[in-house]
C-alpha atoms as a PDB file:
ATOM      1  CA  MET A   1     -13.433 -16.768 -59.487  1.00  0.00           C
ATOM      2  CA  VAL A   2     -16.656 -14.517 -59.938  1.00  0.00           C
ATOM      3  CA  ALA A   3     -19.732 -16.603 -59.259  1.00  0.00           C
ATOM      4  CA  MET A   4     -22.086 -16.945 -62.104  1.00  0.00           C
ATOM      5  CA  LYS A   5     -25.737 -16.266 -61.647  1.00  0.00           C
ATOM      6  CA  VAL A   6     -28.324 -18.899 -62.580  1.00  0.00           C
ATOM      7  CA  LEU A   7     -32.036 -18.165 -62.666  1.00  0.00           C
ATOM      8  CA  MET A   8     -34.219 -21.220 -62.388  1.00  0.00           C
ATOM      9  CA  THR A   9     -38.041 -21.150 -62.441  1.00  0.00           C
ATOM     10  CA  GLY A  10     -40.687 -23.713 -61.759  1.00  0.00           C
ATOM     11  CA  PHE A  11     -44.529 -23.500 -61.840  1.00  0.00           C
ATOM     12  CA  GLU A  12     -47.344 -23.410 -59.298  1.00  0.00           C
ATOM     13  CA  PRO A  13     -49.794 -26.294 -59.401  1.00  0.00           C
ATOM     14  CA  PHE A  14     -52.505 -26.391 -62.119  1.00  0.00           C
ATOM     15  CA  GLY A  15     -55.210 -28.566 -63.509  1.00  0.00           C
ATOM     16  CA  GLY A  16     -56.438 -29.584 -59.968  1.00  0.00           C
ATOM     17  CA  ASP A  17     -53.072 -30.858 -58.715  1.00  0.00           C
ATOM     18  CA  ALA A  18     -51.931 -30.088 -55.216  1.00  0.00           C
ATOM     19  CA  VAL A  19     -48.235 -29.805 -56.222  1.00  0.00           C
ATOM     20  CA  ASN A  20     -46.173 -29.102 -59.318  1.00  0.00           C
ATOM     21  CA  GLU A  21     -43.100 -31.336 -59.495  1.00  0.00           C
ATOM     22  CA  SER A  22     -41.214 -28.649 -61.581  1.00  0.00           C
ATOM     23  CA  TRP A  23     -41.196 -26.239 -58.566  1.00  0.00           C
ATOM     24  CA  ASP A  24     -40.486 -29.092 -56.091  1.00  0.00           C
ATOM     25  CA  ALA A  25     -37.332 -30.020 -58.077  1.00  0.00           C
ATOM     26  CA  VAL A  26     -36.106 -26.441 -58.551  1.00  0.00           C
ATOM     27  CA  ARG A  27     -36.410 -25.489 -54.931  1.00  0.00           C
ATOM     28  CA  ALA A  28     -34.669 -28.622 -53.844  1.00  0.00           C
ATOM     29  CA  LEU A  29     -31.588 -28.015 -56.055  1.00  0.00           C
ATOM     30  CA  PRO A  30     -28.452 -28.393 -53.976  1.00  0.00           C
ATOM     31  CA  PRO A  31     -26.015 -25.471 -53.796  1.00  0.00           C
ATOM     32  CA  ARG A  32     -23.473 -25.381 -56.680  1.00  0.00           C
ATOM     33  CA  PRO A  33     -19.888 -24.208 -56.213  1.00  0.00           C
ATOM     34  CA  ASP A  34     -19.048 -20.737 -57.593  1.00  0.00           C
ATOM     35  CA  VAL A  35     -22.701 -20.403 -58.689  1.00  0.00           C
ATOM     36  CA  GLU A  36     -25.415 -18.152 -57.296  1.00  0.00           C
ATOM     37  CA  VAL A  37     -28.829 -19.797 -57.945  1.00  0.00           C
ATOM     38  CA  VAL A  38     -31.845 -17.651 -57.924  1.00  0.00           C
ATOM     39  CA  THR A  39     -35.175 -19.571 -57.957  1.00  0.00           C
ATOM     40  CA  ALA A  40     -38.780 -18.300 -58.583  1.00  0.00           C
ATOM     41  CA  ARG A  41     -42.151 -19.959 -58.872  1.00  0.00           C
ATOM     42  CA  LEU A  42     -44.174 -18.848 -61.928  1.00  0.00           C
ATOM     43  CA  PRO A  43     -47.979 -18.718 -62.167  1.00  0.00           C
ATOM     44  CA  VAL A  44     -49.519 -21.060 -64.637  1.00  0.00           C
ATOM     45  CA  THR A  45     -51.034 -18.197 -66.610  1.00  0.00           C
ATOM     46  CA  PHE A  46     -49.999 -17.073 -70.065  1.00  0.00           C
ATOM     47  CA  ALA A  47     -49.744 -13.310 -69.203  1.00  0.00           C
ATOM     48  CA  GLY A  48     -48.575 -13.582 -65.594  1.00  0.00           C
ATOM     49  CA  ALA A  49     -45.715 -16.097 -66.368  1.00  0.00           C
ATOM     50  CA  VAL A  50     -44.320 -14.021 -69.204  1.00  0.00           C
ATOM     51  CA  ASP A  51     -44.483 -10.860 -67.209  1.00  0.00           C
ATOM     52  CA  ALA A  52     -42.824 -12.492 -64.217  1.00  0.00           C
ATOM     53  CA  CYS A  53     -40.067 -13.754 -66.405  1.00  0.00           C
ATOM     54  CA  ARG A  54     -39.311 -10.329 -67.855  1.00  0.00           C
ATOM     55  CA  GLN A  55     -39.162  -8.888 -64.448  1.00  0.00           C
ATOM     56  CA  LEU A  56     -36.825 -11.618 -63.134  1.00  0.00           C
ATOM     57  CA  LEU A  57     -34.450 -11.137 -66.132  1.00  0.00           C
ATOM     58  CA  ALA A  58     -34.304  -7.366 -65.631  1.00  0.00           C
ATOM     59  CA  LEU A  59     -33.861  -7.698 -61.864  1.00  0.00           C
ATOM     60  CA  HIS A  60     -31.162 -10.410 -61.806  1.00  0.00           C
ATOM     61  CA  ALA A  61     -29.324 -10.139 -65.267  1.00  0.00           C
ATOM     62  CA  PRO A  62     -28.418 -13.838 -65.036  1.00  0.00           C
ATOM     63  CA  ASP A  63     -25.768 -15.801 -66.944  1.00  0.00           C
ATOM     64  CA  VAL A  64     -27.884 -18.861 -67.214  1.00  0.00           C
ATOM     65  CA  VAL A  65     -31.711 -19.214 -67.350  1.00  0.00           C
ATOM     66  CA  ILE A  66     -33.380 -22.598 -67.000  1.00  0.00           C
ATOM     67  CA  ALA A  67     -37.153 -22.691 -66.873  1.00  0.00           C
ATOM     68  CA  VAL A  68     -38.576 -25.931 -65.671  1.00  0.00           C
ATOM     69  CA  GLY A  69     -42.084 -27.385 -66.214  1.00  0.00           C
ATOM     70  CA  LEU A  70     -44.073 -30.478 -65.659  1.00  0.00           C
ATOM     71  CA  ALA A  71     -44.666 -33.004 -68.457  1.00  0.00           C
ATOM     72  CA  ALA A  72     -47.114 -35.444 -66.854  1.00  0.00           C
ATOM     73  CA  GLY A  73     -46.947 -37.975 -69.612  1.00  0.00           C
ATOM     74  CA  THR A  74     -43.257 -38.329 -70.029  1.00  0.00           C
ATOM     75  CA  GLU A  75     -40.938 -41.036 -68.466  1.00  0.00           C
ATOM     76  CA  ALA A  76     -37.704 -39.015 -68.672  1.00  0.00           C
ATOM     77  CA  ILE A  77     -36.184 -35.606 -68.077  1.00  0.00           C
ATOM     78  CA  ARG A  78     -36.829 -33.745 -71.317  1.00  0.00           C
ATOM     79  CA  LEU A  79     -34.241 -31.183 -72.556  1.00  0.00           C
ATOM     80  CA  GLU A  80     -36.304 -29.081 -74.865  1.00  0.00           C
ATOM     81  CA  ARG A  81     -34.697 -27.995 -78.052  1.00  0.00           C
ATOM     82  CA  VAL A  82     -37.289 -25.694 -79.739  1.00  0.00           C
ATOM     83  CA  ALA A  83     -39.661 -23.057 -78.597  1.00  0.00           C
ATOM     84  CA  VAL A  84     -42.458 -22.135 -81.095  1.00  0.00           C
ATOM     85  CA  ASN A  85     -44.390 -18.926 -81.488  1.00  0.00           C
ATOM     86  CA  VAL A  86     -47.903 -20.284 -80.978  1.00  0.00           C
ATOM     87  CA  ILE A  87     -50.271 -20.800 -78.060  1.00  0.00           C
ATOM     88  CA  ASP A  88     -52.968 -23.426 -78.531  1.00  0.00           C
ATOM     89  CA  ALA A  89     -54.386 -24.208 -75.094  1.00  0.00           C
ATOM     90  CA  ARG A  90     -56.186 -27.544 -74.601  1.00  0.00           C
ATOM     91  CA  ILE A  91     -57.251 -26.425 -71.095  1.00  0.00           C
ATOM     92  CA  ALA A  92     -57.568 -23.032 -69.546  1.00  0.00           C
ATOM     93  CA  ASP A  93     -54.740 -21.611 -67.502  1.00  0.00           C
ATOM     94  CA  ASN A  94     -55.093 -20.704 -63.831  1.00  0.00           C
ATOM     95  CA  ASP A  95     -56.785 -17.390 -64.888  1.00  0.00           C
ATOM     96  CA  GLY A  96     -59.363 -19.296 -66.869  1.00  0.00           C
ATOM     97  CA  VAL A  97     -57.792 -18.148 -70.149  1.00  0.00           C
ATOM     98  CA  ALA A  98     -57.424 -20.602 -73.045  1.00  0.00           C
ATOM     99  CA  PRO A  99     -56.036 -18.879 -76.230  1.00  0.00           C
ATOM    100  CA  VAL A 100     -56.193 -20.809 -79.516  1.00  0.00           C
ATOM    101  CA  ASP A 101     -53.803 -20.291 -82.307  1.00  0.00           C
ATOM    102  CA  GLU A 102     -52.328 -17.115 -81.086  1.00  0.00           C
ATOM    103  CA  PRO A 103     -48.696 -16.040 -81.134  1.00  0.00           C
ATOM    104  CA  VAL A 104     -46.597 -15.732 -78.018  1.00  0.00           C
ATOM    105  CA  VAL A 105     -44.998 -12.638 -79.470  1.00  0.00           C
ATOM    106  CA  ALA A 106     -46.836 -10.989 -82.268  1.00  0.00           C
ATOM    107  CA  GLY A 107     -44.507 -10.594 -85.245  1.00  0.00           C
ATOM    108  CA  GLY A 108     -41.800 -12.682 -83.612  1.00  0.00           C
ATOM    109  CA  PRO A 109     -39.822 -15.413 -85.311  1.00  0.00           C
ATOM    110  CA  ALA A 110     -41.481 -18.747 -85.837  1.00  0.00           C
ATOM    111  CA  ALA A 111     -39.236 -20.437 -83.363  1.00  0.00           C
ATOM    112  CA  TYR A 112     -36.086 -20.244 -81.122  1.00  0.00           C
ATOM    113  CA  PHE A 113     -33.650 -22.889 -80.258  1.00  0.00           C
ATOM    114  CA  SER A 114     -32.384 -23.517 -76.774  1.00  0.00           C
ATOM    115  CA  THR A 115     -28.877 -22.207 -76.109  1.00  0.00           C
ATOM    116  CA  LEU A 116     -28.203 -24.658 -73.390  1.00  0.00           C
ATOM    117  CA  PRO A 117     -25.543 -27.332 -74.163  1.00  0.00           C
ATOM    118  CA  LEU A 118     -28.230 -29.971 -74.665  1.00  0.00           C
ATOM    119  CA  LYS A 119     -26.023 -32.913 -75.665  1.00  0.00           C
ATOM    120  CA  ALA A 120     -23.549 -32.268 -72.864  1.00  0.00           C
ATOM    121  CA  GLY A 121     -26.432 -32.144 -70.459  1.00  0.00           C
ATOM    122  CA  LEU A 122     -27.985 -35.298 -71.926  1.00  0.00           C
ATOM    123  CA  THR A 123     -24.659 -37.165 -71.652  1.00  0.00           C
ATOM    124  CA  ALA A 124     -24.274 -36.110 -67.962  1.00  0.00           C
ATOM    125  CA  LEU A 125     -27.744 -37.197 -67.114  1.00  0.00           C
ATOM    126  CA  ARG A 126     -27.421 -40.602 -68.778  1.00  0.00           C
ATOM    127  CA  ASP A 127     -24.063 -41.156 -67.232  1.00  0.00           C
ATOM    128  CA  ALA A 128     -25.676 -40.529 -63.790  1.00  0.00           C
ATOM    129  CA  GLY A 129     -28.316 -43.090 -64.606  1.00  0.00           C
ATOM    130  CA  ILE A 130     -31.186 -40.592 -64.900  1.00  0.00           C
ATOM    131  CA  PRO A 131     -33.468 -41.167 -67.889  1.00  0.00           C
ATOM    132  CA  ALA A 132     -33.310 -38.261 -70.260  1.00  0.00           C
ATOM    133  CA  VAL A 133     -34.020 -37.287 -73.794  1.00  0.00           C
ATOM    134  CA  VAL A 134     -33.697 -34.261 -76.108  1.00  0.00           C
ATOM    135  CA  SER A 135     -37.256 -33.284 -76.984  1.00  0.00           C
ATOM    136  CA  ASN A 136     -38.177 -31.279 -80.010  1.00  0.00           C
ATOM    137  CA  SER A 137     -41.545 -30.023 -78.811  1.00  0.00           C
ATOM    138  CA  ALA A 138     -42.246 -28.145 -75.567  1.00  0.00           C
ATOM    139  CA  GLY A 139     -46.033 -28.244 -76.348  1.00  0.00           C
ATOM    140  CA  THR A 140     -48.243 -25.133 -76.987  1.00  0.00           C
ATOM    141  CA  TYR A 141     -49.264 -24.400 -73.342  1.00  0.00           C
ATOM    142  CA  VAL A 142     -47.650 -22.159 -70.689  1.00  0.00           C
ATOM    143  CA  CYS A 143     -44.332 -24.067 -70.667  1.00  0.00           C
ATOM    144  CA  ASN A 144     -43.667 -23.223 -74.275  1.00  0.00           C
ATOM    145  CA  THR A 145     -44.928 -19.751 -73.928  1.00  0.00           C
ATOM    146  CA  VAL A 146     -42.400 -19.103 -71.176  1.00  0.00           C
ATOM    147  CA  PHE A 147     -39.642 -20.911 -73.159  1.00  0.00           C
ATOM    148  CA  TYR A 148     -40.408 -18.782 -76.216  1.00  0.00           C
ATOM    149  CA  ALA A 149     -40.830 -15.486 -74.294  1.00  0.00           C
ATOM    150  CA  VAL A 150     -37.454 -15.943 -72.452  1.00  0.00           C
ATOM    151  CA  GLN A 151     -35.599 -16.841 -75.669  1.00  0.00           C
ATOM    152  CA  HIS A 152     -37.151 -13.863 -77.339  1.00  0.00           C
ATOM    153  CA  GLU A 153     -36.117 -11.550 -74.497  1.00  0.00           C
ATOM    154  CA  LEU A 154     -32.591 -12.845 -74.429  1.00  0.00           C
ATOM    155  CA  ALA A 155     -32.079 -12.888 -78.143  1.00  0.00           C
ATOM    156  CA  ALA A 156     -30.193  -9.619 -77.952  1.00  0.00           C
ATOM    157  CA  TRP A 157     -28.163 -10.544 -74.798  1.00  0.00           C
ATOM    158  CA  ALA A 158     -24.605 -11.741 -75.196  1.00  0.00           C
ATOM    159  CA  ASP A 159     -23.083 -14.815 -73.401  1.00  0.00           C
ATOM    160  CA  VAL A 160     -26.327 -15.959 -71.824  1.00  0.00           C
ATOM    161  CA  ARG A 161     -27.305 -19.707 -71.937  1.00  0.00           C
ATOM    162  CA  SER A 162     -30.987 -20.437 -71.666  1.00  0.00           C
ATOM    163  CA  GLY A 163     -33.649 -23.002 -72.290  1.00  0.00           C
ATOM    164  CA  PHE A 164     -36.329 -25.267 -70.852  1.00  0.00           C
ATOM    165  CA  VAL A 165     -36.489 -28.557 -69.122  1.00  0.00           C
ATOM    166  CA  HIS A 166     -39.420 -30.684 -68.472  1.00  0.00           C
ATOM    167  CA  VAL A 167     -39.564 -33.064 -65.554  1.00  0.00           C
ATOM    168  CA  PRO A 168     -41.982 -36.034 -65.185  1.00  0.00           C
ATOM    169  CA  ARG A 169     -44.358 -36.708 -62.276  1.00  0.00           C
ATOM    170  CA  ALA A 170     -42.688 -37.682 -59.005  1.00  0.00           C
ATOM    171  CA  ASP A 171     -43.845 -41.290 -59.257  1.00  0.00           C
ATOM    172  CA  VAL A 172     -41.804 -41.739 -62.463  1.00  0.00           C
ATOM    173  CA  VAL A 173     -38.675 -39.663 -61.577  1.00  0.00           C
ATOM    174  CA  ASP A 174     -38.554 -38.851 -57.892  1.00  0.00           C
ATOM    175  CA  GLN A 175     -37.696 -35.329 -56.635  1.00  0.00           C
ATOM    176  CA  ASP A 176     -34.170 -36.167 -55.582  1.00  0.00           C
ATOM    177  CA  ALA A 177     -33.389 -37.507 -59.169  1.00  0.00           C
ATOM    178  CA  ALA A 178     -35.158 -34.559 -60.814  1.00  0.00           C
ATOM    179  CA  SER A 179     -33.207 -32.101 -58.677  1.00  0.00           C
ATOM    180  CA  ARG A 180     -29.910 -33.916 -59.399  1.00  0.00           C
ATOM    181  CA  ALA A 181     -30.753 -33.768 -63.061  1.00  0.00           C
ATOM    182  CA  LEU A 182     -31.312 -30.053 -62.926  1.00  0.00           C
ATOM    183  CA  GLY A 183     -27.999 -29.590 -61.140  1.00  0.00           C
ATOM    184  CA  LEU A 184     -26.286 -31.461 -63.926  1.00  0.00           C
ATOM    185  CA  VAL A 185     -27.931 -29.262 -66.477  1.00  0.00           C
ATOM    186  CA  VAL A 186     -26.715 -26.189 -64.545  1.00  0.00           C
ATOM    187  CA  ASP A 187     -23.235 -27.556 -64.337  1.00  0.00           C
ATOM    188  CA  ALA A 188     -23.193 -28.204 -68.133  1.00  0.00           C
ATOM    189  CA  ALA A 189     -24.378 -24.654 -68.886  1.00  0.00           C
ATOM    190  CA  VAL A 190     -21.936 -22.979 -66.493  1.00  0.00           C
ATOM    191  CA  GLY A 191     -19.133 -25.192 -67.744  1.00  0.00           C
ATOM    192  CA  ALA A 192     -19.958 -24.290 -71.344  1.00  0.00           C
ATOM    193  CA  LEU A 193     -19.840 -20.537 -70.544  1.00  0.00           C
ATOM    194  CA  ARG A 194     -16.472 -20.984 -68.791  1.00  0.00           C
ATOM    195  CA  GLY A 195     -15.056 -22.957 -71.728  1.00  0.00           C
ATOM    196  CA  ARG A 196     -14.802 -26.183 -69.715  1.00  0.00           C
ATOM    197  CA  VAL A 197     -17.653 -28.233 -71.335  1.00  0.00           C
ATOM    198  CA  ALA A 198     -17.742 -29.041 -75.001  1.00  0.00           C
ATOM    199  CA  GLU A 199     -20.950 -30.194 -76.764  1.00  0.00           C
ATOM    200  CA  PRO A 200     -20.431 -33.756 -77.848  1.00  0.00           C
ATOM    201  CA  ARG A 201     -21.596 -34.985 -81.241  1.00  0.00           C
ATOM    202  CA  THR A 202     -24.102 -37.407 -79.949  1.00  0.00           C
ATOM    203  CA  ALA A 203     -27.193 -38.471 -81.801  1.00  0.00           C
ATOM    204  CA  ALA A 204     -30.486 -37.730 -79.954  1.00  0.00           C
ATOM    205  CA  GLY A 205     -32.954 -37.497 -82.802  1.00  0.00           C
ATOM    206  CA  THR A 206     -36.239 -39.352 -83.323  1.00  0.00           C
ATOM    207  CA  GLU A 207     -37.599 -41.301 -86.322  1.00  0.00           C
ATOM    208  CA  HIS A 208     -40.983 -39.491 -86.289  1.00  0.00           C
END
């Protein structure tokens, strides 16, 4: 069986933190059978992160792309459903840039959906005892910018599954659990591409 290639990205520290749990979880991902995992740490800058993602996609031509970021205020792994075409930075990025009400891609669609099997991933995470939700907002900072830019870049690519996952701080979900969670998301995406994983009809909406 030909190994599938998975590109996973995390972020460098920002906002005065010494570490970024997204990168810690990505680089601790255990090897997957029949899967080549390529990892990369992105800068927490609007321009730099997008440029790096475009270069990584062109270089590796992956079958699956999972970008991972830190959501400091969450208590669960968040499988992001929607990327929106807006940047509205509450704080400056690591270059000192803080765009307000600017598009990620000028003239691009208002939004893109994840193409990861979110409900299959959600089910696998919950079955493993890892707190997880499907989230309908990836924010308007660098995480959403990367999510949108990747989906925009891959819109013309066939047979690629891609999306974004937010992990909590390590004192909420530790690195081992976060890495196991990412592994399960990888397995679901690869399984979907190989026709082995079906998307269950499981409710994961919210009331507000």
